N, C-alpha and C. Protein backbone atom coordinates (compact mmCIF):
# COMPACT_ATOMS: atom_id res chain seq x y z
N UNK A 1 0.75 -1.10 0.26
CA UNK A 1 0.01 -0.18 0.06
C UNK A 1 0.71 1.25 0.03
N UNK A 2 0.55 2.25 -0.82
CA UNK A 2 1.49 3.46 -1.04
C UNK A 2 0.22 4.73 -0.82
N UNK A 3 0.65 5.52 -0.08
CA UNK A 3 -0.38 6.77 0.37
C UNK A 3 0.43 7.57 -0.02
N UNK A 4 -0.46 9.01 -0.50
CA UNK A 4 0.34 10.24 -0.88
C UNK A 4 -0.21 10.90 -0.03
N UNK A 5 0.42 11.83 0.87
CA UNK A 5 -0.32 13.14 1.64
C UNK A 5 0.31 14.32 1.46
N UNK A 6 -0.52 15.26 1.15
CA UNK A 6 -0.13 16.48 0.81
C UNK A 6 -0.96 17.32 1.59
N UNK A 7 -0.73 18.66 1.40
CA UNK A 7 -1.41 19.72 2.08
C UNK A 7 -0.24 20.96 2.45
N UNK A 8 -1.08 22.21 2.29
CA UNK A 8 -0.22 23.32 2.52
C UNK A 8 0.69 23.02 4.01
N UNK A 9 1.66 24.55 4.44
CA UNK A 9 2.52 24.43 5.75
C UNK A 9 1.24 24.34 6.73
N UNK A 10 1.72 24.04 7.74
CA UNK A 10 0.34 23.87 9.18
C UNK A 10 -0.44 22.96 8.72
N UNK A 11 -1.04 22.37 7.86
CA UNK A 11 -2.12 21.62 7.72
C UNK A 11 -2.67 20.34 8.50
N UNK A 12 -1.60 19.87 9.11
CA UNK A 12 -1.65 18.86 9.79
C UNK A 12 -1.50 17.33 8.90
N UNK A 13 -0.64 17.54 8.01
CA UNK A 13 -0.15 16.37 7.09
C UNK A 13 0.55 15.37 7.98
N UNK A 14 1.41 16.20 8.56
CA UNK A 14 2.37 15.18 9.33
C UNK A 14 1.59 14.49 10.29
N UNK A 15 0.82 15.01 11.11
CA UNK A 15 -0.30 14.19 12.34
C UNK A 15 -0.83 12.97 11.39
N UNK A 16 -1.31 13.17 10.35
CA UNK A 16 -2.51 12.63 9.80
C UNK A 16 -1.13 11.28 9.19
N UNK A 17 -0.30 11.86 8.55
CA UNK A 17 0.47 10.81 8.11
C UNK A 17 1.22 9.73 9.05
N UNK A 18 1.57 10.26 10.35
CA UNK A 18 1.93 9.33 11.25
C UNK A 18 0.70 8.54 11.90
N UNK A 19 -0.44 8.79 11.75
CA UNK A 19 -1.50 8.00 12.17
C UNK A 19 -1.83 6.89 11.22
N UNK A 20 -1.67 7.54 9.74
CA UNK A 20 -1.29 6.31 8.87
C UNK A 20 -1.05 4.96 9.16
N UNK A 21 0.65 5.42 9.72
CA UNK A 21 1.74 4.40 9.89
C UNK A 21 1.21 3.85 10.84
N UNK A 22 0.83 4.34 12.01
CA UNK A 22 0.30 3.55 13.36
C UNK A 22 -0.89 2.63 12.87
N UNK A 23 -1.56 2.98 12.01
CA UNK A 23 -2.67 2.23 11.67
C UNK A 23 -2.55 1.07 11.00
N UNK A 24 -1.62 1.04 10.10
CA UNK A 24 -0.74 -0.22 9.86
C UNK A 24 -0.60 -1.22 10.22
N UNK A 25 -0.59 -1.14 11.89
CA UNK A 25 -0.41 -2.34 12.99
C UNK A 25 1.20 -1.95 13.14
N UNK A 26 1.44 -3.13 13.54
CA UNK A 26 2.73 -3.50 14.34
C UNK A 26 4.07 -4.03 13.56
N UNK A 27 3.89 -3.75 12.38
CA UNK A 27 5.29 -3.65 11.17
C UNK A 27 6.29 -2.98 11.96
N UNK A 28 7.82 -3.23 11.35
CA UNK A 28 8.80 -2.27 12.05
C UNK A 28 8.47 -0.99 11.21
N UNK A 29 8.46 0.20 12.00
CA UNK A 29 8.31 1.51 11.56
C UNK A 29 9.49 2.52 11.02
N UNK A 30 9.55 2.73 9.83
CA UNK A 30 10.81 4.08 9.77
C UNK A 30 10.37 4.73 8.96
N UNK A 31 10.85 6.05 9.61
CA UNK A 31 10.69 7.41 9.23
C UNK A 31 12.11 7.82 8.23
N UNK A 32 11.80 8.06 7.09
CA UNK A 32 12.82 8.51 6.46
C UNK A 32 12.90 10.19 6.49
N UNK A 33 14.00 11.18 7.03
CA UNK A 33 14.05 12.49 7.33
C UNK A 33 14.25 12.85 6.52
N UNK A 34 14.35 13.95 5.72
CA UNK A 34 15.03 14.79 4.23
C UNK A 34 15.27 15.88 4.75
N UNK A 35 14.47 16.38 5.77
CA UNK A 35 14.73 18.16 6.16
C UNK A 35 16.07 18.36 6.64
N UNK A 36 17.64 18.94 5.59
CA UNK A 36 18.67 18.87 5.71
C UNK A 36 18.87 20.15 7.12
N UNK A 37 18.91 20.46 8.31
CA UNK A 37 19.31 21.31 9.33
C UNK A 37 20.06 22.33 8.93
N UNK A 38 19.94 23.24 8.24
CA UNK A 38 21.17 24.09 7.68
C UNK A 38 20.97 25.45 8.77
N UNK A 39 19.66 25.39 9.47
CA UNK A 39 19.76 26.61 10.09
C UNK A 39 19.02 26.56 11.38
N UNK A 40 18.82 27.88 12.20
CA UNK A 40 18.40 27.13 13.72
C UNK A 40 16.93 26.90 13.41
N UNK A 41 16.19 27.64 12.17
CA UNK A 41 14.83 27.10 12.18
C UNK A 41 14.80 25.95 11.64
N UNK A 42 15.08 25.24 10.82
CA UNK A 42 15.27 24.13 10.55
C UNK A 42 15.58 22.90 11.67
N UNK A 43 16.44 22.88 12.18
CA UNK A 43 16.78 22.54 13.63
C UNK A 43 15.55 22.51 14.17
N UNK A 44 14.65 23.48 14.40
CA UNK A 44 13.73 23.46 15.41
C UNK A 44 12.16 22.73 14.57
N UNK A 45 12.54 22.80 13.60
CA UNK A 45 11.19 21.94 12.86
C UNK A 45 11.45 20.47 12.90
N UNK A 46 13.02 20.29 12.87
CA UNK A 46 12.98 18.69 12.90
C UNK A 46 12.86 18.32 14.50
N UNK A 47 13.46 19.03 15.65
CA UNK A 47 13.21 18.70 16.60
C UNK A 47 11.74 18.81 17.01
N UNK A 48 10.52 19.31 16.47
CA UNK A 48 9.10 19.47 16.74
C UNK A 48 8.57 18.02 16.22
N UNK A 49 9.18 17.66 14.90
CA UNK A 49 8.57 16.30 14.34
C UNK A 49 9.27 15.27 14.85
N UNK A 50 10.55 15.04 15.56
CA UNK A 50 11.13 14.12 16.75
C UNK A 50 10.12 13.85 17.56
N UNK A 51 9.53 15.04 18.23
CA UNK A 51 8.49 14.98 19.51
C UNK A 51 7.67 14.36 19.54
N UNK A 52 6.67 14.77 17.66
CA UNK A 52 5.54 13.94 17.48
C UNK A 52 5.49 12.80 17.15
N UNK A 53 6.74 11.99 16.87
CA UNK A 53 7.03 10.92 16.61
C UNK A 53 7.42 9.59 17.88
N UNK A 54 7.77 10.74 19.33
CA UNK A 54 8.12 10.16 20.22
C UNK A 54 6.96 9.20 20.83
N UNK A 55 7.62 7.86 21.08
CA UNK A 55 6.47 6.78 21.51
C UNK A 55 6.10 5.90 20.54
N UNK A 56 5.90 6.19 19.34
CA UNK A 56 5.45 5.55 18.12
C UNK A 56 6.38 4.62 17.42
N UNK A 57 7.44 4.28 18.10
CA UNK A 57 8.29 3.45 17.58
C UNK A 57 8.94 3.48 16.22
N UNK A 58 8.99 4.59 15.65
CA UNK A 58 9.90 4.84 14.58
C UNK A 58 11.48 4.60 14.78
N UNK A 59 11.94 3.84 13.50
CA UNK A 59 13.85 4.08 13.51
C UNK A 59 13.57 5.22 12.71
N UNK A 60 14.62 6.29 12.83
CA UNK A 60 14.73 7.46 11.58
C UNK A 60 16.08 7.34 10.70
N UNK A 61 15.75 7.09 9.94
CA UNK A 61 16.96 6.98 8.71
C UNK A 61 17.10 8.60 8.30
N UNK A 62 18.47 9.40 8.28
CA UNK A 62 18.19 10.77 7.56
C UNK A 62 18.58 10.58 6.24
N UNK A 63 17.71 10.97 5.34
CA UNK A 63 18.17 11.12 3.62
C UNK A 63 18.18 12.56 2.98
N UNK A 64 19.14 12.80 2.89
CA UNK A 64 18.97 14.16 2.43
C UNK A 64 19.12 13.92 0.97
N UNK A 65 19.82 13.25 -0.19
CA UNK A 65 19.79 12.77 -1.16
C UNK A 65 20.12 11.58 -1.67
N UNK A 66 20.38 10.70 -2.64
CA UNK A 66 20.03 9.65 -3.01
C UNK A 66 19.47 8.55 -2.11
N UNK A 67 17.75 8.90 -2.51
CA UNK A 67 17.11 7.96 -1.69
C UNK A 67 17.00 6.57 -2.14
N UNK A 68 17.55 6.19 -3.73
CA UNK A 68 17.76 4.87 -4.01
C UNK A 68 18.44 3.87 -3.40
N UNK A 69 19.82 4.57 -2.54
CA UNK A 69 20.54 3.90 -1.99
C UNK A 69 19.86 3.42 -0.60
N UNK A 70 18.92 4.13 -0.37
CA UNK A 70 18.11 3.68 1.10
C UNK A 70 17.62 2.07 1.01
N UNK A 71 17.87 1.71 2.26
CA UNK A 71 17.45 -0.27 2.52
C UNK A 71 16.61 -0.07 3.74
N UNK A 72 15.58 -0.51 3.40
CA UNK A 72 14.75 -0.58 4.60
C UNK A 72 14.12 -2.28 4.99
N UNK A 73 13.87 -2.71 6.37
CA UNK A 73 13.70 -4.09 6.42
C UNK A 73 12.35 -4.34 5.49
N UNK A 74 12.23 -5.28 4.86
CA UNK A 74 11.19 -6.07 4.00
C UNK A 74 10.15 -6.00 4.84
N UNK A 75 8.65 -5.53 3.87
CA UNK A 75 7.40 -5.42 4.73
C UNK A 75 7.61 -4.66 6.26
N UNK A 76 8.16 -3.47 5.82
CA UNK A 76 8.11 -2.41 7.03
C UNK A 76 7.19 -1.50 6.69
N UNK A 77 6.96 -0.63 7.35
CA UNK A 77 6.08 0.69 7.24
C UNK A 77 6.97 1.65 7.24
N UNK A 78 7.24 2.52 5.88
CA UNK A 78 7.69 3.47 5.50
C UNK A 78 7.56 4.89 5.55
N UNK A 79 7.58 5.87 6.42
CA UNK A 79 7.06 7.28 6.21
C UNK A 79 8.18 8.08 5.61
N UNK A 80 8.10 8.79 4.66
CA UNK A 80 9.00 9.40 3.92
C UNK A 80 8.46 10.80 4.12
N UNK A 81 9.27 11.46 4.81
CA UNK A 81 8.54 12.89 4.84
C UNK A 81 9.96 14.11 5.00
N UNK A 82 10.26 14.79 3.76
CA UNK A 82 9.07 15.54 3.08
C UNK A 82 9.62 15.19 1.78
N UNK A 83 8.69 15.17 0.68
CA UNK A 83 9.25 15.18 -0.91
C UNK A 83 9.78 16.53 -1.23
N UNK A 84 9.26 17.78 -0.74
CA UNK A 84 9.13 19.00 -1.11
C UNK A 84 10.85 19.26 -0.65
N UNK A 85 11.59 18.56 0.88
CA UNK A 85 12.78 19.24 1.20
C UNK A 85 13.96 18.24 0.37
N UNK A 86 13.32 16.98 -0.11
CA UNK A 86 14.17 15.78 -0.67
C UNK A 86 14.11 16.62 -2.42
N UNK A 87 13.51 17.02 -3.13
CA UNK A 87 13.33 17.66 -4.33
C UNK A 87 14.83 19.14 -4.31
N UNK A 88 14.28 19.87 -3.23
CA UNK A 88 15.27 20.90 -2.77
C UNK A 88 16.64 20.41 -2.46
N UNK A 89 16.89 19.46 -1.89
CA UNK A 89 18.04 19.17 -1.56
C UNK A 89 18.82 18.22 -2.67
N UNK A 90 18.06 17.86 -3.48
CA UNK A 90 18.67 17.22 -4.71
C UNK A 90 19.10 18.10 -5.69
N UNK A 91 18.45 19.25 -5.55
CA UNK A 91 18.54 20.31 -6.73
C UNK A 91 19.86 20.98 -6.43
N UNK A 92 20.18 21.53 -4.91
CA UNK A 92 20.61 22.30 -4.48
C UNK A 92 22.36 22.04 -3.77
N UNK A 93 21.97 20.40 -3.13
CA UNK A 93 23.19 20.09 -2.25
C UNK A 93 24.16 19.58 -3.23
N UNK A 94 25.79 19.94 -3.07
CA UNK A 94 26.47 19.48 -3.98
C UNK A 94 26.28 18.16 -4.36
N UNK A 95 25.99 17.31 -3.59
CA UNK A 95 25.89 15.66 -3.93
C UNK A 95 24.60 15.37 -4.69
N UNK A 96 23.70 16.19 -4.75
CA UNK A 96 22.38 16.09 -5.02
C UNK A 96 22.36 15.62 -6.87
N UNK A 97 21.39 15.34 -7.38
CA UNK A 97 21.42 14.82 -8.37
C UNK A 97 21.10 16.14 -9.71
N UNK A 98 20.93 16.96 -9.36
CA UNK A 98 20.52 18.65 -9.91
C UNK A 98 19.43 18.20 -11.17
N UNK A 99 19.93 18.43 -12.80
CA UNK A 99 19.07 18.03 -13.23
C UNK A 99 18.09 17.13 -13.63
N UNK A 100 18.93 16.16 -12.97
CA UNK A 100 17.90 14.22 -12.97
C UNK A 100 17.60 14.28 -11.79
N UNK A 101 17.32 15.46 -11.08
CA UNK A 101 16.13 14.99 -10.00
C UNK A 101 15.23 14.40 -9.79
N UNK A 102 13.83 14.67 -10.88
CA UNK A 102 12.90 13.98 -11.06
C UNK A 102 13.35 12.08 -11.32
N UNK A 103 14.11 12.31 -12.08
CA UNK A 103 14.48 10.89 -12.37
C UNK A 103 14.79 9.99 -10.93
N UNK A 104 16.06 10.54 -10.41
CA UNK A 104 16.70 9.70 -9.59
C UNK A 104 15.80 9.61 -7.97
N UNK A 105 14.71 10.44 -8.20
CA UNK A 105 13.69 10.70 -6.72
C UNK A 105 12.84 9.29 -7.15
N UNK A 106 12.14 9.32 -8.39
CA UNK A 106 11.19 8.44 -8.87
C UNK A 106 11.80 7.35 -8.87
N UNK A 107 13.05 6.61 -8.96
CA UNK A 107 13.65 5.58 -8.81
C UNK A 107 13.71 5.51 -7.43
N UNK A 108 14.11 6.46 -6.56
CA UNK A 108 13.82 5.70 -4.87
C UNK A 108 12.54 5.48 -4.16
N UNK A 109 11.71 6.38 -5.10
CA UNK A 109 10.45 5.87 -4.29
C UNK A 109 10.28 4.49 -4.85
N UNK A 110 10.40 4.35 -6.05
CA UNK A 110 9.99 2.89 -6.61
C UNK A 110 11.10 1.96 -6.08
N UNK A 111 12.35 2.02 -5.53
CA UNK A 111 13.08 1.18 -4.48
C UNK A 111 12.11 0.93 -3.33
N UNK A 112 11.63 2.03 -2.50
CA UNK A 112 11.23 1.81 -1.62
C UNK A 112 9.97 1.03 -1.37
N UNK A 113 9.27 1.30 -2.41
CA UNK A 113 7.99 0.67 -2.82
C UNK A 113 7.87 -1.01 -2.94
N UNK A 114 9.48 -1.15 -3.51
CA UNK A 114 9.54 -2.62 -3.83
C UNK A 114 9.84 -3.30 -2.38
N UNK A 115 10.84 -2.45 -1.22
CA UNK A 115 10.98 -3.21 -0.40
C UNK A 115 10.02 -3.25 0.93
N UNK A 116 9.48 -1.99 0.99
CA UNK A 116 8.71 -1.48 2.35
C UNK A 116 7.06 -2.75 2.13
N UNK A 117 6.52 -2.83 2.93
CA UNK A 117 4.83 -3.16 2.81
C UNK A 117 4.34 -2.24 2.75
N UNK A 118 4.66 -1.04 3.51
CA UNK A 118 3.50 0.27 3.27
C UNK A 118 4.24 0.94 3.12
N UNK A 119 4.05 2.37 2.67
CA UNK A 119 4.76 3.35 2.15
C UNK A 119 3.91 4.83 2.20
N UNK A 120 4.21 5.31 3.07
CA UNK A 120 3.76 6.89 3.36
C UNK A 120 4.34 8.12 2.66
N UNK A 121 3.83 8.62 1.96
CA UNK A 121 4.94 9.95 1.56
C UNK A 121 4.01 10.98 1.81
N UNK A 122 4.71 12.24 2.28
CA UNK A 122 4.57 13.27 2.29
C UNK A 122 5.18 14.59 1.53
N UNK A 123 4.05 15.39 1.14
CA UNK A 123 4.76 16.37 0.24
C UNK A 123 4.15 17.30 0.52
N UNK A 124 4.29 18.48 -0.25
CA UNK A 124 3.49 20.12 0.10
C UNK A 124 2.80 20.53 -1.08
N UNK A 125 1.73 20.90 -0.64
CA UNK A 125 0.94 21.59 -1.56
C UNK A 125 1.60 23.24 -1.98
N UNK A 126 2.59 23.80 -2.85
CA UNK A 126 3.05 24.84 -3.29
C UNK A 126 2.28 25.80 -4.50
N UNK A 127 1.31 24.72 -4.89
CA UNK A 127 1.03 25.40 -6.22
C UNK A 127 -0.52 26.01 -6.45
N UNK A 128 -0.77 26.60 -5.47
CA UNK A 128 -2.08 27.83 -5.27
C UNK A 128 -2.11 28.99 -5.31
N UNK A 129 -0.63 28.94 -5.40
CA UNK A 129 -0.56 30.84 -5.86
C UNK A 129 -0.30 30.68 -7.14
N UNK A 130 -1.10 32.33 -7.68
CA UNK A 130 -1.10 32.81 -8.91
C UNK A 130 -0.12 33.61 -9.30
N UNK A 131 0.90 33.54 -8.07
CA UNK A 131 2.27 34.22 -8.56
C UNK A 131 3.02 33.13 -9.74
N UNK A 132 3.74 33.44 -11.04
CA UNK A 132 4.56 32.98 -11.70
C UNK A 132 6.29 32.72 -10.88
N UNK A 133 6.76 31.81 -11.00
CA UNK A 133 8.51 32.00 -10.62
C UNK A 133 9.10 31.76 -11.70
N UNK A 134 10.19 32.06 -11.79
CA UNK A 134 11.15 32.03 -12.98
C UNK A 134 12.68 31.34 -12.28
N UNK A 135 13.51 31.03 -13.05
CA UNK A 135 14.79 30.60 -12.45
C UNK A 135 14.86 29.25 -11.50
N UNK A 136 15.46 29.26 -10.68
CA UNK A 136 15.85 28.11 -9.74
C UNK A 136 14.11 27.65 -9.21
N UNK A 137 13.89 29.06 -8.57
CA UNK A 137 12.45 28.60 -8.04
C UNK A 137 11.15 27.99 -8.73
N UNK A 138 11.15 28.31 -9.80
CA UNK A 138 10.47 27.97 -11.00
C UNK A 138 10.28 26.67 -11.54
N UNK A 139 12.05 26.02 -11.55
CA UNK A 139 12.58 24.78 -11.60
C UNK A 139 11.89 23.67 -10.74
N UNK A 140 12.25 24.32 -9.52
CA UNK A 140 11.82 23.69 -8.32
C UNK A 140 10.56 23.13 -8.37
N UNK A 141 9.38 24.20 -8.73
CA UNK A 141 8.10 23.87 -8.61
C UNK A 141 8.07 22.68 -9.89
N UNK A 142 8.58 22.80 -11.21
CA UNK A 142 8.32 22.03 -11.97
C UNK A 142 8.67 20.73 -11.52
N UNK A 143 10.01 20.51 -11.14
CA UNK A 143 10.42 19.44 -10.80
C UNK A 143 9.47 18.94 -9.49
N UNK A 144 8.92 19.44 -8.76
CA UNK A 144 8.07 18.66 -7.56
C UNK A 144 6.72 18.60 -8.09
N UNK A 145 6.44 19.43 -9.16
CA UNK A 145 5.15 19.12 -9.84
C UNK A 145 4.82 17.73 -10.68
N UNK A 146 6.20 17.57 -11.13
CA UNK A 146 6.15 16.37 -11.99
C UNK A 146 6.44 14.81 -10.87
N UNK A 147 7.16 15.34 -9.55
CA UNK A 147 6.87 14.19 -9.00
C UNK A 147 5.78 13.65 -8.04
N UNK A 148 5.22 14.99 -7.84
CA UNK A 148 3.77 14.78 -7.20
C UNK A 148 2.88 13.92 -7.90
N UNK A 149 3.01 14.57 -9.49
CA UNK A 149 1.85 13.79 -10.12
C UNK A 149 2.06 12.37 -10.64
N UNK A 150 3.83 12.10 -10.65
CA UNK A 150 4.08 10.50 -10.63
C UNK A 150 3.69 9.82 -9.36
N UNK A 151 3.74 10.28 -8.41
CA UNK A 151 3.57 9.62 -6.94
C UNK A 151 2.01 9.42 -6.82
N UNK A 152 1.27 10.43 -7.35
CA UNK A 152 -0.32 10.00 -7.25
C UNK A 152 -0.53 9.15 -8.41
N UNK A 153 -0.22 9.16 -9.25
CA UNK A 153 -0.64 7.64 -10.34
C UNK A 153 0.05 6.51 -9.49
N UNK A 154 1.30 6.47 -9.04
CA UNK A 154 1.39 5.52 -8.23
C UNK A 154 0.81 4.94 -7.18
N UNK A 155 0.75 6.01 -6.50
CA UNK A 155 0.13 5.99 -4.92
C UNK A 155 -1.45 4.79 -5.59
N UNK A 156 -1.98 4.39 -3.89
CA UNK A 156 -3.17 3.47 -4.05
C UNK A 156 -4.14 4.57 -3.42
N UNK A 157 -3.36 5.58 -2.49
CA UNK A 157 -4.62 6.36 -2.01
C UNK A 157 -3.77 7.86 -1.98
N UNK A 158 -4.32 8.94 -2.53
CA UNK A 158 -4.26 10.40 -2.45
C UNK A 158 -5.29 11.09 -1.58
N UNK A 159 -4.28 11.49 -0.51
CA UNK A 159 -5.11 12.31 0.41
C UNK A 159 -4.48 14.05 0.46
N UNK A 160 -5.12 15.15 0.63
CA UNK A 160 -4.67 16.43 0.70
C UNK A 160 -5.48 16.66 2.14
N UNK A 161 -4.68 17.14 3.08
CA UNK A 161 -5.03 17.56 4.38
C UNK A 161 -5.48 19.02 4.58
N UNK A 162 -6.02 19.27 4.80
CA UNK A 162 -6.54 20.70 4.70
C UNK A 162 -7.84 21.04 6.39
N UNK A 163 -6.63 21.80 6.85
CA UNK A 163 -7.06 22.38 8.02
C UNK A 163 -7.38 21.25 9.35
N UNK A 164 -6.55 19.84 9.05
CA UNK A 164 -6.44 19.10 9.82
C UNK A 164 -7.40 18.32 9.30
N UNK A 165 -8.22 18.28 8.32
CA UNK A 165 -9.42 17.41 7.78
C UNK A 165 -8.59 16.53 6.25
N UNK A 166 -8.69 15.37 6.33
CA UNK A 166 -8.27 14.60 5.38
C UNK A 166 -9.43 14.48 4.17
N UNK A 167 -8.78 14.91 3.06
CA UNK A 167 -9.81 15.14 1.66
C UNK A 167 -9.24 13.95 0.59
N UNK A 168 -10.23 12.93 0.45
CA UNK A 168 -9.32 11.95 -0.30
C UNK A 168 -9.73 11.91 -1.65
N UNK A 169 -8.49 12.12 -2.52
CA UNK A 169 -8.55 12.50 -3.88
C UNK A 169 -8.59 11.15 -4.63
N UNK A 170 -7.61 10.21 -3.90
CA UNK A 170 -7.86 8.82 -4.47
C UNK A 170 -8.10 7.77 -3.55
N UNK A 171 -8.78 6.94 -3.51
CA UNK A 171 -8.90 5.62 -2.42
C UNK A 171 -8.99 4.56 -2.64
N UNK A 172 -8.34 3.24 -2.41
CA UNK A 172 -9.00 2.08 -2.70
C UNK A 172 -9.36 1.42 -1.41
N UNK A 173 -9.93 0.25 -1.61
CA UNK A 173 -10.50 -0.84 -0.44
C UNK A 173 -9.55 -1.24 -0.26
N UNK A 174 -9.36 -1.57 1.29
CA UNK A 174 -8.34 -2.22 1.91
C UNK A 174 -7.12 -1.57 2.47
N UNK A 175 -7.47 0.06 2.33
CA UNK A 175 -6.46 1.24 2.84
C UNK A 175 -6.57 0.96 4.36
N UNK A 176 -5.79 1.76 5.20
CA UNK A 176 -5.25 1.84 6.33
C UNK A 176 -6.76 2.22 7.07
N UNK A 177 -7.56 2.69 6.44
CA UNK A 177 -8.90 2.98 7.29
C UNK A 177 -10.18 1.68 6.62
N UNK A 178 -9.73 0.87 5.56
CA UNK A 178 -10.38 -0.15 5.01
C UNK A 178 -11.70 0.55 4.50
N UNK A 179 -12.00 1.19 3.78
CA UNK A 179 -13.06 2.34 3.27
C UNK A 179 -12.99 2.11 1.62
N UNK A 180 -14.34 1.82 1.27
CA UNK A 180 -14.31 1.80 -0.26
C UNK A 180 -13.89 2.75 -0.99
N UNK A 181 -13.59 2.41 -2.40
CA UNK A 181 -12.87 3.24 -3.32
C UNK A 181 -13.76 4.18 -3.31
N UNK A 182 -12.84 5.84 -3.68
CA UNK A 182 -13.91 6.91 -4.48
C UNK A 182 -13.08 7.53 -5.31
N UNK A 183 -12.30 6.68 -5.95
CA UNK A 183 -11.60 7.39 -7.27
C UNK A 183 -12.31 7.62 -7.92
């Protein structure tokens, strides 16, 4: 089972994604952390997410670039957070994929999906603005958009969290909640 969780900043998508992982049961829980702690603000965000996961049985793997190299136990339940950070890392970090960002991340997600029993991926909704960006910001939006579209196609469920409320855009029977399909 693969679930894609999206939403705006502060929407509650992280808490929702963690609840989905817990709902899958007692399988080994792996959290793939992608936020590179480069300043005080990012270190505080990392700490906040660590506090949210406390007591939920997650093993954390830090992965800033090279998702395809990550190995998780077969049948585990994996939470990858967050795709928007991973895209930025691949684009801008020295050891990143740069112009191959989209392809490298797609390969990494497919590799994780083959290894894990369940995969929950968190991404960001950054496309609602009417502003059109150019340069690196425009390229970032283009890459994240392409990746999110591919992830939505691959996913069994696609959920947008709005003000803490999950809105299902794609849902299959037998998901973590066991509800009927509304595709």
